[in-house]
Amino acid sequence: MSGTVCDMLARELVARAAALLALLVLLAPGPGLAHDGWIEAHPAIVESGQSVSLFLLYGNHSNEHRSYRLASKWEPKYARLVVVDPAGRERDLSAQIVDLGEDAEAVGPKGPKGFHLAAFAPADPGLYLALVKQVRVVEFGGPRFQSIVVAKTAFVSLASPTVLAAQGAVGFDRPIGGDDALEIIPISNPAGLRTGDPLSLEVRYRGRPAAGRVVSVVGRLDGAASARDLTTDAAGRVKLVAGPADYYLARVSLEDQTERVEGRFDKSAYEATYVFPVFRRP
């Protein structure tokens, strides 16, 4: 075989390999799906006027996204933190986010460490919704991905904060993620939930119920061993029974291979999380 023919074959093989690699990168999970972000409120039931700590956590990438381990941090320059009060008024707390971790180059394992924190004191009684929404375009060696992450939780402000009183809270089913995102919305009250109580969650994609999506629910203390996978029905809903007293993380993801903007990104990756506490029965 002549050198010219060999060169031609070599170039063709390289071209085919490059095309295959590009296709695999395009079809592979985007960087937004490498980790999940969520938010926790402590305490989840608080006396009106007292401070609630909002923890912005990032991780949950192991065991096919069915764990509760920290692995990274939110990037506040792309994220927005808001609290919606019982009257539906929105307060932006983005400027108050404090980084309680270390830089990626600090001593220890490589990569971001720790988490972010913000404080909020609810003045009025009722249920408050906390939301972190992060929108960014990232690139993995070629194709660009639009990543939209919506993380939510709720907390209740009461004159006399008790689990029983929290069970009467309303407003938990208010959609606040926006019509451009994936969102988990409680259909039954997640406040004051006790072990053995039922809970219904609805997944909405761009404002409409998303059927056939897998929602993973994992407890903080038992981690991956407690993970459950539930598939949404035709109404985009899943039903579960509350487990032992703990904080629980529900997460769902979706990729749109056809959603692209020429010159900006090649596909979109959506993630949604919702954290709810479960209390012990008396």
C-alpha atoms as a PDB file:
ATOM      1  CA  MET A   1       0.000   0.000   0.000  1.00  0.00           C
ATOM      2  CA  SER A   2       1.436   3.359  -1.029  1.00  0.00           C
ATOM      3  CA  GLY A   3       2.262   6.078   1.460  1.00  0.00           C
ATOM      4  CA  THR A   4      -0.361   8.337  -0.112  1.00  0.00           C
ATOM      5  CA  VAL A   5      -3.135   5.792   0.405  1.00  0.00           C
ATOM      6  CA  CYS A   6      -1.970   5.144   3.977  1.00  0.00           C
ATOM      7  CA  ASP A   7      -2.017   8.861   4.686  1.00  0.00           C
ATOM      8  CA  MET A   8      -5.537   9.148   3.271  1.00  0.00           C
ATOM      9  CA  LEU A   9      -6.769   6.223   5.386  1.00  0.00           C
ATOM     10  CA  ALA A  10      -5.117   7.645   8.484  1.00  0.00           C
ATOM     11  CA  ARG A  11      -6.732  11.035   7.931  1.00  0.00           C
ATOM     12  CA  GLU A  12     -10.132   9.402   7.421  1.00  0.00           C
ATOM     13  CA  LEU A  13      -9.782   7.343  10.601  1.00  0.00           C
ATOM     14  CA  VAL A  14      -8.823  10.444  12.579  1.00  0.00           C
ATOM     15  CA  ALA A  15     -11.787  12.343  11.140  1.00  0.00           C
ATOM     16  CA  ARG A  16     -14.177   9.516  12.018  1.00  0.00           C
ATOM     17  CA  ALA A  17     -12.763   9.250  15.533  1.00  0.00           C
ATOM     18  CA  ALA A  18     -13.109  12.990  16.022  1.00  0.00           C
ATOM     19  CA  ALA A  19     -16.708  12.898  14.805  1.00  0.00           C
ATOM     20  CA  LEU A  20     -17.522   9.989  17.114  1.00  0.00           C
ATOM     21  CA  LEU A  21     -15.898  11.752  20.055  1.00  0.00           C
ATOM     22  CA  ALA A  22     -17.876  14.913  19.359  1.00  0.00           C
ATOM     23  CA  LEU A  23     -21.090  12.885  19.209  1.00  0.00           C
ATOM     24  CA  LEU A  24     -20.318  11.127  22.491  1.00  0.00           C
ATOM     25  CA  VAL A  25     -19.555  14.422  24.194  1.00  0.00           C
ATOM     26  CA  LEU A  26     -22.783  15.897  22.895  1.00  0.00           C
ATOM     27  CA  LEU A  27     -24.841  12.950  24.084  1.00  0.00           C
ATOM     28  CA  ALA A  28     -23.082  12.582  27.425  1.00  0.00           C
ATOM     29  CA  PRO A  29     -24.569  14.153  30.573  1.00  0.00           C
ATOM     30  CA  GLY A  30     -23.724  17.826  30.685  1.00  0.00           C
ATOM     31  CA  PRO A  31     -21.649  19.437  33.409  1.00  0.00           C
ATOM     32  CA  GLY A  32     -24.798  20.654  35.073  1.00  0.00           C
ATOM     33  CA  LEU A  33     -25.678  17.001  35.711  1.00  0.00           C
ATOM     34  CA  ALA A  34     -22.324  16.224  37.303  1.00  0.00           C
ATOM     35  CA  HIS A  35     -23.576  17.564  40.651  1.00  0.00           C
ATOM     36  CA  ASP A  36     -26.819  18.654  42.230  1.00  0.00           C
ATOM     37  CA  GLY A  37     -27.463  21.753  44.270  1.00  0.00           C
ATOM     38  CA  TRP A  38     -29.965  22.029  47.077  1.00  0.00           C
ATOM     39  CA  ILE A  39     -31.006  24.362  49.885  1.00  0.00           C
ATOM     40  CA  GLU A  40     -31.908  23.610  53.513  1.00  0.00           C
ATOM     41  CA  ALA A  41     -33.633  25.822  56.080  1.00  0.00           C
ATOM     42  CA  HIS A  42     -32.640  25.508  59.756  1.00  0.00           C
ATOM     43  CA  PRO A  43     -34.829  25.545  61.734  1.00  0.00           C
ATOM     44  CA  ALA A  44     -37.682  24.568  59.425  1.00  0.00           C
ATOM     45  CA  ILE A  45     -40.223  25.766  62.009  1.00  0.00           C
ATOM     46  CA  VAL A  46     -39.226  29.019  63.684  1.00  0.00           C
ATOM     47  CA  GLU A  47     -40.659  31.656  65.975  1.00  0.00           C
ATOM     48  CA  SER A  48     -41.646  34.773  64.027  1.00  0.00           C
ATOM     49  CA  GLY A  49     -38.860  37.341  64.096  1.00  0.00           C
ATOM     50  CA  GLN A  50     -36.132  34.796  64.785  1.00  0.00           C
ATOM     51  CA  SER A  51     -33.422  34.002  62.246  1.00  0.00           C
ATOM     52  CA  VAL A  52     -33.476  31.094  59.813  1.00  0.00           C
ATOM     53  CA  SER A  53     -30.196  29.865  58.345  1.00  0.00           C
ATOM     54  CA  LEU A  54     -30.370  28.970  54.651  1.00  0.00           C
ATOM     55  CA  PHE A  55     -27.651  26.482  53.708  1.00  0.00           C
ATOM     56  CA  LEU A  56     -26.716  26.344  50.015  1.00  0.00           C
ATOM     57  CA  LEU A  57     -25.227  22.892  49.443  1.00  0.00           C
ATOM     58  CA  TYR A  58     -23.808  21.201  46.360  1.00  0.00           C
ATOM     59  CA  GLY A  59     -22.948  17.585  45.671  1.00  0.00           C
ATOM     60  CA  ASN A  60     -25.120  14.450  45.473  1.00  0.00           C
ATOM     61  CA  HIS A  61     -23.200  13.226  42.427  1.00  0.00           C
ATOM     62  CA  SER A  62     -22.336   9.716  43.607  1.00  0.00           C
ATOM     63  CA  ASN A  63     -24.482   6.575  43.400  1.00  0.00           C
ATOM     64  CA  GLU A  64     -26.192   7.931  40.278  1.00  0.00           C
ATOM     65  CA  HIS A  65     -27.267  11.099  42.102  1.00  0.00           C
ATOM     66  CA  ARG A  66     -28.756   9.143  44.998  1.00  0.00           C
ATOM     67  CA  SER A  67     -26.543  10.317  47.831  1.00  0.00           C
ATOM     68  CA  TYR A  68     -26.341  13.283  50.189  1.00  0.00           C
ATOM     69  CA  ARG A  69     -22.611  13.961  50.077  1.00  0.00           C
ATOM     70  CA  LEU A  70     -21.056  17.354  49.433  1.00  0.00           C
ATOM     71  CA  ALA A  71     -18.744  17.482  46.431  1.00  0.00           C
ATOM     72  CA  SER A  72     -18.645  21.073  45.240  1.00  0.00           C
ATOM     73  CA  LYS A  73     -20.163  24.520  45.842  1.00  0.00           C
ATOM     74  CA  TRP A  74     -22.699  26.800  44.210  1.00  0.00           C
ATOM     75  CA  GLU A  75     -21.293  29.594  42.069  1.00  0.00           C
ATOM     76  CA  PRO A  76     -23.026  32.743  43.373  1.00  0.00           C
ATOM     77  CA  LYS A  77     -22.113  34.755  40.273  1.00  0.00           C
ATOM     78  CA  TYR A  78     -24.518  32.524  38.314  1.00  0.00           C
ATOM     79  CA  ALA A  79     -27.056  31.907  41.097  1.00  0.00           C
ATOM     80  CA  ARG A  80     -29.872  33.897  42.650  1.00  0.00           C
ATOM     81  CA  LEU A  81     -31.259  33.279  46.151  1.00  0.00           C
ATOM     82  CA  VAL A  82     -34.761  34.517  46.932  1.00  0.00           C
ATOM     83  CA  VAL A  83     -37.303  34.045  49.709  1.00  0.00           C
ATOM     84  CA  VAL A  84     -41.024  34.328  48.962  1.00  0.00           C
ATOM     85  CA  ASP A  85     -43.135  35.339  51.957  1.00  0.00           C
ATOM     86  CA  PRO A  86     -46.712  34.189  52.759  1.00  0.00           C
ATOM     87  CA  ALA A  87     -48.149  37.131  50.779  1.00  0.00           C
ATOM     88  CA  GLY A  88     -46.163  36.156  47.683  1.00  0.00           C
ATOM     89  CA  ARG A  89     -43.650  38.977  47.988  1.00  0.00           C
ATOM     90  CA  GLU A  90     -40.142  38.132  46.857  1.00  0.00           C
ATOM     91  CA  ARG A  91     -36.956  39.187  48.628  1.00  0.00           C
ATOM     92  CA  ASP A  92     -33.592  38.770  46.927  1.00  0.00           C
ATOM     93  CA  LEU A  93     -30.880  37.585  49.334  1.00  0.00           C
ATOM     94  CA  SER A  94     -28.189  36.982  46.711  1.00  0.00           C
ATOM     95  CA  ALA A  95     -25.977  39.791  48.008  1.00  0.00           C
ATOM     96  CA  GLN A  96     -26.092  38.311  51.520  1.00  0.00           C
ATOM     97  CA  ILE A  97     -24.672  34.888  50.609  1.00  0.00           C
ATOM     98  CA  VAL A  98     -21.577  34.073  52.687  1.00  0.00           C
ATOM     99  CA  ASP A  99     -19.006  31.511  51.553  1.00  0.00           C
ATOM    100  CA  LEU A 100     -18.120  29.241  54.464  1.00  0.00           C
ATOM    101  CA  GLY A 101     -15.775  27.052  52.442  1.00  0.00           C
ATOM    102  CA  GLU A 102     -12.284  27.368  51.026  1.00  0.00           C
ATOM    103  CA  ASP A 103     -10.844  28.191  47.628  1.00  0.00           C
ATOM    104  CA  ALA A 104     -10.323  25.403  45.142  1.00  0.00           C
ATOM    105  CA  GLU A 105      -6.551  25.721  45.548  1.00  0.00           C
ATOM    106  CA  ALA A 106      -6.585  25.566  49.355  1.00  0.00           C
ATOM    107  CA  VAL A 107      -4.804  22.796  51.233  1.00  0.00           C
ATOM    108  CA  GLY A 108      -6.583  19.458  50.959  1.00  0.00           C
ATOM    109  CA  PRO A 109      -8.459  17.743  48.122  1.00  0.00           C
ATOM    110  CA  LYS A 110      -8.575  19.692  44.885  1.00  0.00           C
ATOM    111  CA  GLY A 111     -11.744  21.514  43.981  1.00  0.00           C
ATOM    112  CA  PRO A 112     -14.238  23.738  45.845  1.00  0.00           C
ATOM    113  CA  LYS A 113     -14.875  22.891  49.500  1.00  0.00           C
ATOM    114  CA  GLY A 114     -17.622  23.773  51.932  1.00  0.00           C
ATOM    115  CA  PHE A 115     -20.911  25.542  51.318  1.00  0.00           C
ATOM    116  CA  HIS A 116     -22.662  28.913  51.337  1.00  0.00           C
ATOM    117  CA  LEU A 117     -24.977  30.412  53.945  1.00  0.00           C
ATOM    118  CA  ALA A 118     -27.500  33.229  54.162  1.00  0.00           C
ATOM    119  CA  ALA A 119     -29.702  34.354  57.063  1.00  0.00           C
ATOM    120  CA  PHE A 120     -33.308  35.513  56.986  1.00  0.00           C
ATOM    121  CA  ALA A 121     -35.647  36.596  59.807  1.00  0.00           C
ATOM    122  CA  PRO A 122     -39.330  36.079  58.896  1.00  0.00           C
ATOM    123  CA  ALA A 123     -41.403  38.869  60.390  1.00  0.00           C
ATOM    124  CA  ASP A 124     -44.879  37.586  59.496  1.00  0.00           C
ATOM    125  CA  PRO A 125     -46.430  34.236  60.393  1.00  0.00           C
ATOM    126  CA  GLY A 126     -46.934  31.711  57.631  1.00  0.00           C
ATOM    127  CA  LEU A 127     -45.047  29.549  55.159  1.00  0.00           C
ATOM    128  CA  TYR A 128     -41.992  30.898  53.329  1.00  0.00           C
ATOM    129  CA  LEU A 129     -40.429  29.452  50.186  1.00  0.00           C
ATOM    130  CA  ALA A 130     -36.671  29.608  49.604  1.00  0.00           C
ATOM    131  CA  LEU A 131     -35.308  29.256  46.070  1.00  0.00           C
ATOM    132  CA  VAL A 132     -31.868  29.099  44.510  1.00  0.00           C
ATOM    133  CA  LYS A 133     -31.812  29.299  40.720  1.00  0.00           C
ATOM    134  CA  GLN A 134     -28.581  28.953  38.783  1.00  0.00           C
ATOM    135  CA  VAL A 135     -28.402  29.526  35.028  1.00  0.00           C
ATOM    136  CA  ARG A 136     -25.168  29.227  33.117  1.00  0.00           C
ATOM    137  CA  VAL A 137     -23.654  28.083  29.843  1.00  0.00           C
ATOM    138  CA  VAL A 138     -20.673  25.757  30.186  1.00  0.00           C
ATOM    139  CA  GLU A 139     -18.457  23.840  27.815  1.00  0.00           C
ATOM    140  CA  PHE A 140     -16.978  20.358  28.019  1.00  0.00           C
ATOM    141  CA  GLY A 141     -14.248  20.216  25.416  1.00  0.00           C
ATOM    142  CA  GLY A 142     -16.440  21.334  22.553  1.00  0.00           C
ATOM    143  CA  PRO A 143     -20.268  21.450  22.716  1.00  0.00           C
ATOM    144  CA  ARG A 144     -21.784  24.008  25.042  1.00  0.00           C
ATOM    145  CA  PHE A 145     -24.526  23.201  27.528  1.00  0.00           C
ATOM    146  CA  GLN A 146     -27.138  25.471  29.042  1.00  0.00           C
ATOM    147  CA  SER A 147     -27.569  24.369  32.660  1.00  0.00           C
ATOM    148  CA  ILE A 148     -30.601  25.493  34.671  1.00  0.00           C
ATOM    149  CA  VAL A 149     -30.780  24.351  38.294  1.00  0.00           C
ATOM    150  CA  VAL A 150     -33.718  25.077  40.606  1.00  0.00           C
ATOM    151  CA  ALA A 151     -33.389  24.209  44.313  1.00  0.00           C
ATOM    152  CA  LYS A 152     -36.237  24.780  46.758  1.00  0.00           C
ATOM    153  CA  THR A 153     -37.317  24.281  50.346  1.00  0.00           C
ATOM    154  CA  ALA A 154     -39.900  25.744  52.723  1.00  0.00           C
ATOM    155  CA  PHE A 155     -39.934  26.938  56.320  1.00  0.00           C
ATOM    156  CA  VAL A 156     -42.732  28.103  58.594  1.00  0.00           C
ATOM    157  CA  SER A 157     -42.834  31.151  60.877  1.00  0.00           C
ATOM    158  CA  LEU A 158     -45.230  30.960  63.828  1.00  0.00           C
ATOM    159  CA  ALA A 159     -45.882  32.865  67.050  1.00  0.00           C
ATOM    160  CA  SER A 160     -45.786  29.507  68.834  1.00  0.00           C
ATOM    161  CA  PRO A 161     -43.705  27.227  66.595  1.00  0.00           C
ATOM    162  CA  THR A 162     -44.875  23.621  66.852  1.00  0.00           C
ATOM    163  CA  VAL A 163     -44.992  20.746  64.402  1.00  0.00           C
ATOM    164  CA  LEU A 164     -48.756  20.516  64.812  1.00  0.00           C
ATOM    165  CA  ALA A 165     -49.267  24.209  64.021  1.00  0.00           C
ATOM    166  CA  ALA A 166     -47.020  23.957  60.948  1.00  0.00           C
ATOM    167  CA  GLN A 167     -49.357  21.334  59.501  1.00  0.00           C
ATOM    168  CA  GLY A 168     -51.901  24.084  58.876  1.00  0.00           C
ATOM    169  CA  ALA A 169     -49.559  26.150  56.693  1.00  0.00           C
ATOM    170  CA  VAL A 170     -50.640  27.100  53.176  1.00  0.00           C
ATOM    171  CA  GLY A 171     -48.818  28.357  50.082  1.00  0.00           C
ATOM    172  CA  PHE A 172     -46.473  25.381  49.760  1.00  0.00           C
ATOM    173  CA  ASP A 173     -47.770  24.612  46.242  1.00  0.00           C
ATOM    174  CA  ARG A 174     -46.882  28.007  44.765  1.00  0.00           C
ATOM    175  CA  PRO A 175     -44.680  27.627  41.620  1.00  0.00           C
ATOM    176  CA  ILE A 176     -41.685  29.963  41.807  1.00  0.00           C
ATOM    177  CA  GLY A 177     -39.051  28.344  39.560  1.00  0.00           C
ATOM    178  CA  GLY A 178     -40.120  30.118  36.359  1.00  0.00           C
ATOM    179  CA  ASP A 179     -41.491  28.840  33.066  1.00  0.00           C
ATOM    180  CA  ASP A 180     -37.996  28.200  31.689  1.00  0.00           C
ATOM    181  CA  ALA A 181     -37.043  25.543  34.233  1.00  0.00           C
ATOM    182  CA  LEU A 182     -37.676  22.151  35.813  1.00  0.00           C
ATOM    183  CA  GLU A 183     -39.332  22.435  39.231  1.00  0.00           C
ATOM    184  CA  ILE A 184     -40.529  20.187  42.063  1.00  0.00           C
ATOM    185  CA  ILE A 185     -43.737  21.431  43.687  1.00  0.00           C
ATOM    186  CA  PRO A 186     -45.324  19.833  46.777  1.00  0.00           C
ATOM    187  CA  ILE A 187     -49.003  19.050  46.247  1.00  0.00           C
ATOM    188  CA  SER A 188     -49.567  18.135  49.893  1.00  0.00           C
ATOM    189  CA  ASN A 189     -48.194  20.162  52.800  1.00  0.00           C
ATOM    190  CA  PRO A 190     -44.518  19.264  53.461  1.00  0.00           C
ATOM    191  CA  ALA A 191     -44.435  21.342  56.664  1.00  0.00           C
ATOM    192  CA  GLY A 192     -44.904  19.464  59.912  1.00  0.00           C
ATOM    193  CA  LEU A 193     -44.466  16.130  58.156  1.00  0.00           C
ATOM    194  CA  ARG A 194     -44.128  13.180  60.549  1.00  0.00           C
ATOM    195  CA  THR A 195     -42.871   9.652  60.010  1.00  0.00           C
ATOM    196  CA  GLY A 196     -45.527   7.656  58.165  1.00  0.00           C
ATOM    197  CA  ASP A 197     -47.326  10.693  56.709  1.00  0.00           C
ATOM    198  CA  PRO A 198     -48.051  10.761  52.953  1.00  0.00           C
ATOM    199  CA  LEU A 199     -46.489  13.373  50.684  1.00  0.00           C
ATOM    200  CA  SER A 200     -47.209  14.161  47.034  1.00  0.00           C
ATOM    201  CA  LEU A 201     -44.766  15.986  44.768  1.00  0.00           C
ATOM    202  CA  GLU A 202     -45.303  17.260  41.242  1.00  0.00           C
ATOM    203  CA  VAL A 203     -42.586  17.768  38.632  1.00  0.00           C
ATOM    204  CA  ARG A 204     -43.151  20.563  36.133  1.00  0.00           C
ATOM    205  CA  TYR A 205     -41.064  21.253  33.062  1.00  0.00           C
ATOM    206  CA  ARG A 206     -41.483  24.723  31.613  1.00  0.00           C
ATOM    207  CA  GLY A 207     -44.655  25.180  33.624  1.00  0.00           C
ATOM    208  CA  ARG A 208     -46.334  21.919  32.606  1.00  0.00           C
ATOM    209  CA  PRO A 209     -46.544  18.530  34.405  1.00  0.00           C
ATOM    210  CA  ALA A 210     -43.687  16.222  33.401  1.00  0.00           C
ATOM    211  CA  ALA A 211     -44.765  12.574  33.132  1.00  0.00           C
ATOM    212  CA  GLY A 212     -42.353   9.651  33.188  1.00  0.00           C
ATOM    213  CA  ARG A 213     -39.564  11.432  35.076  1.00  0.00           C
ATOM    214  CA  VAL A 214     -37.594   9.616  37.791  1.00  0.00           C
ATOM    215  CA  VAL A 215     -37.565  11.408  41.134  1.00  0.00           C
ATOM    216  CA  SER A 216     -34.897  10.167  43.556  1.00  0.00           C
ATOM    217  CA  VAL A 217     -35.520  10.705  47.273  1.00  0.00           C
ATOM    218  CA  VAL A 218     -32.645  10.229  49.731  1.00  0.00           C
ATOM    219  CA  GLY A 219     -32.279  10.801  53.473  1.00  0.00           C
ATOM    220  CA  ARG A 220     -29.354  12.729  54.886  1.00  0.00           C
ATOM    221  CA  LEU A 221     -28.435  10.330  57.710  1.00  0.00           C
ATOM    222  CA  ASP A 222     -28.785   6.996  55.885  1.00  0.00           C
ATOM    223  CA  GLY A 223     -27.616   8.409  52.548  1.00  0.00           C
ATOM    224  CA  ALA A 224     -27.607   6.074  49.549  1.00  0.00           C
ATOM    225  CA  ALA A 225     -29.026   3.194  51.601  1.00  0.00           C
ATOM    226  CA  SER A 226     -32.287   5.141  51.957  1.00  0.00           C
ATOM    227  CA  ALA A 227     -32.558   6.158  48.289  1.00  0.00           C
ATOM    228  CA  ARG A 228     -35.854   5.557  46.503  1.00  0.00           C
ATOM    229  CA  ASP A 229     -36.625   6.101  42.819  1.00  0.00           C
ATOM    230  CA  LEU A 230     -40.190   7.092  41.940  1.00  0.00           C
ATOM    231  CA  THR A 231     -41.559   7.680  38.422  1.00  0.00           C
ATOM    232  CA  THR A 232     -44.041  10.496  37.842  1.00  0.00           C
ATOM    233  CA  ASP A 233     -47.517   9.568  36.600  1.00  0.00           C
ATOM    234  CA  ALA A 234     -49.468  11.197  33.768  1.00  0.00           C
ATOM    235  CA  ALA A 235     -50.048  14.256  35.983  1.00  0.00           C
ATOM    236  CA  GLY A 236     -46.313  14.543  36.713  1.00  0.00           C
ATOM    237  CA  ARG A 237     -46.786  13.406  40.312  1.00  0.00           C
ATOM    238  CA  VAL A 238     -45.221  10.930  42.717  1.00  0.00           C
ATOM    239  CA  LYS A 239     -46.469   9.785  46.107  1.00  0.00           C
ATOM    240  CA  LEU A 240     -44.344   8.656  49.018  1.00  0.00           C
ATOM    241  CA  VAL A 241     -44.590   7.905  52.712  1.00  0.00           C
ATOM    242  CA  ALA A 242     -42.317   9.859  55.029  1.00  0.00           C
ATOM    243  CA  GLY A 243     -39.486   7.816  56.497  1.00  0.00           C
ATOM    244  CA  PRO A 244     -37.653   8.195  59.819  1.00  0.00           C
ATOM    245  CA  ALA A 245     -37.052  11.683  61.229  1.00  0.00           C
ATOM    246  CA  ASP A 246     -34.428  13.333  59.034  1.00  0.00           C
ATOM    247  CA  TYR A 247     -33.940  15.810  56.209  1.00  0.00           C
ATOM    248  CA  TYR A 248     -34.802  14.373  52.774  1.00  0.00           C
ATOM    249  CA  LEU A 249     -33.623  15.467  49.349  1.00  0.00           C
ATOM    250  CA  ALA A 250     -35.794  14.931  46.274  1.00  0.00           C
ATOM    251  CA  ARG A 251     -34.115  15.443  42.892  1.00  0.00           C
ATOM    252  CA  VAL A 252     -34.994  15.081  39.221  1.00  0.00           C
ATOM    253  CA  SER A 253     -33.192  15.920  35.987  1.00  0.00           C
ATOM    254  CA  LEU A 254     -34.014  16.285  32.321  1.00  0.00           C
ATOM    255  CA  GLU A 255     -31.992  16.879  29.160  1.00  0.00           C
ATOM    256  CA  ASP A 256     -33.321  18.471  25.988  1.00  0.00           C
ATOM    257  CA  GLN A 257     -31.152  17.420  23.069  1.00  0.00           C
ATOM    258  CA  THR A 258     -33.153  19.508  20.599  1.00  0.00           C
ATOM    259  CA  GLU A 259     -33.062  22.722  22.573  1.00  0.00           C
ATOM    260  CA  ARG A 260     -30.146  24.717  21.213  1.00  0.00           C
ATOM    261  CA  VAL A 261     -29.314  28.301  20.337  1.00  0.00           C
ATOM    262  CA  GLU A 262     -26.919  28.727  17.433  1.00  0.00           C
ATOM    263  CA  GLY A 263     -23.626  30.144  18.616  1.00  0.00           C
ATOM    264  CA  ARG A 264     -24.521  29.850  22.311  1.00  0.00           C
ATOM    265  CA  PHE A 265     -25.228  26.244  23.353  1.00  0.00           C
ATOM    266  CA  ASP A 266     -25.964  22.844  21.833  1.00  0.00           C
ATOM    267  CA  LYS A 267     -28.392  21.387  24.375  1.00  0.00           C
ATOM    268  CA  SER A 268     -30.007  22.182  27.713  1.00  0.00           C
ATOM    269  CA  ALA A 269     -29.714  20.282  30.983  1.00  0.00           C
ATOM    270  CA  TYR A 270     -32.259  20.857  33.742  1.00  0.00           C
ATOM    271  CA  GLU A 271     -32.145  19.862  37.413  1.00  0.00           C
ATOM    272  CA  ALA A 272     -34.574  20.415  40.265  1.00  0.00           C
ATOM    273  CA  THR A 273     -34.280  19.601  43.960  1.00  0.00           C
ATOM    274  CA  TYR A 274     -36.564  19.954  46.955  1.00  0.00           C
ATOM    275  CA  VAL A 275     -35.596  19.410  50.606  1.00  0.00           C
ATOM    276  CA  PHE A 276     -38.155  18.619  53.291  1.00  0.00           C
ATOM    277  CA  PRO A 277     -37.735  17.638  56.965  1.00  0.00           C
ATOM    278  CA  VAL A 278     -39.568  14.756  58.633  1.00  0.00           C
ATOM    279  CA  PHE A 279     -40.311  14.946  62.366  1.00  0.00           C
ATOM    280  CA  ARG A 280     -40.743  12.174  64.916  1.00  0.00           C
ATOM    281  CA  ARG A 281     -44.170  11.196  66.091  1.00  0.00           C
ATOM    282  CA  PRO A 282     -44.833  12.047  69.751  1.00  0.00           C
END
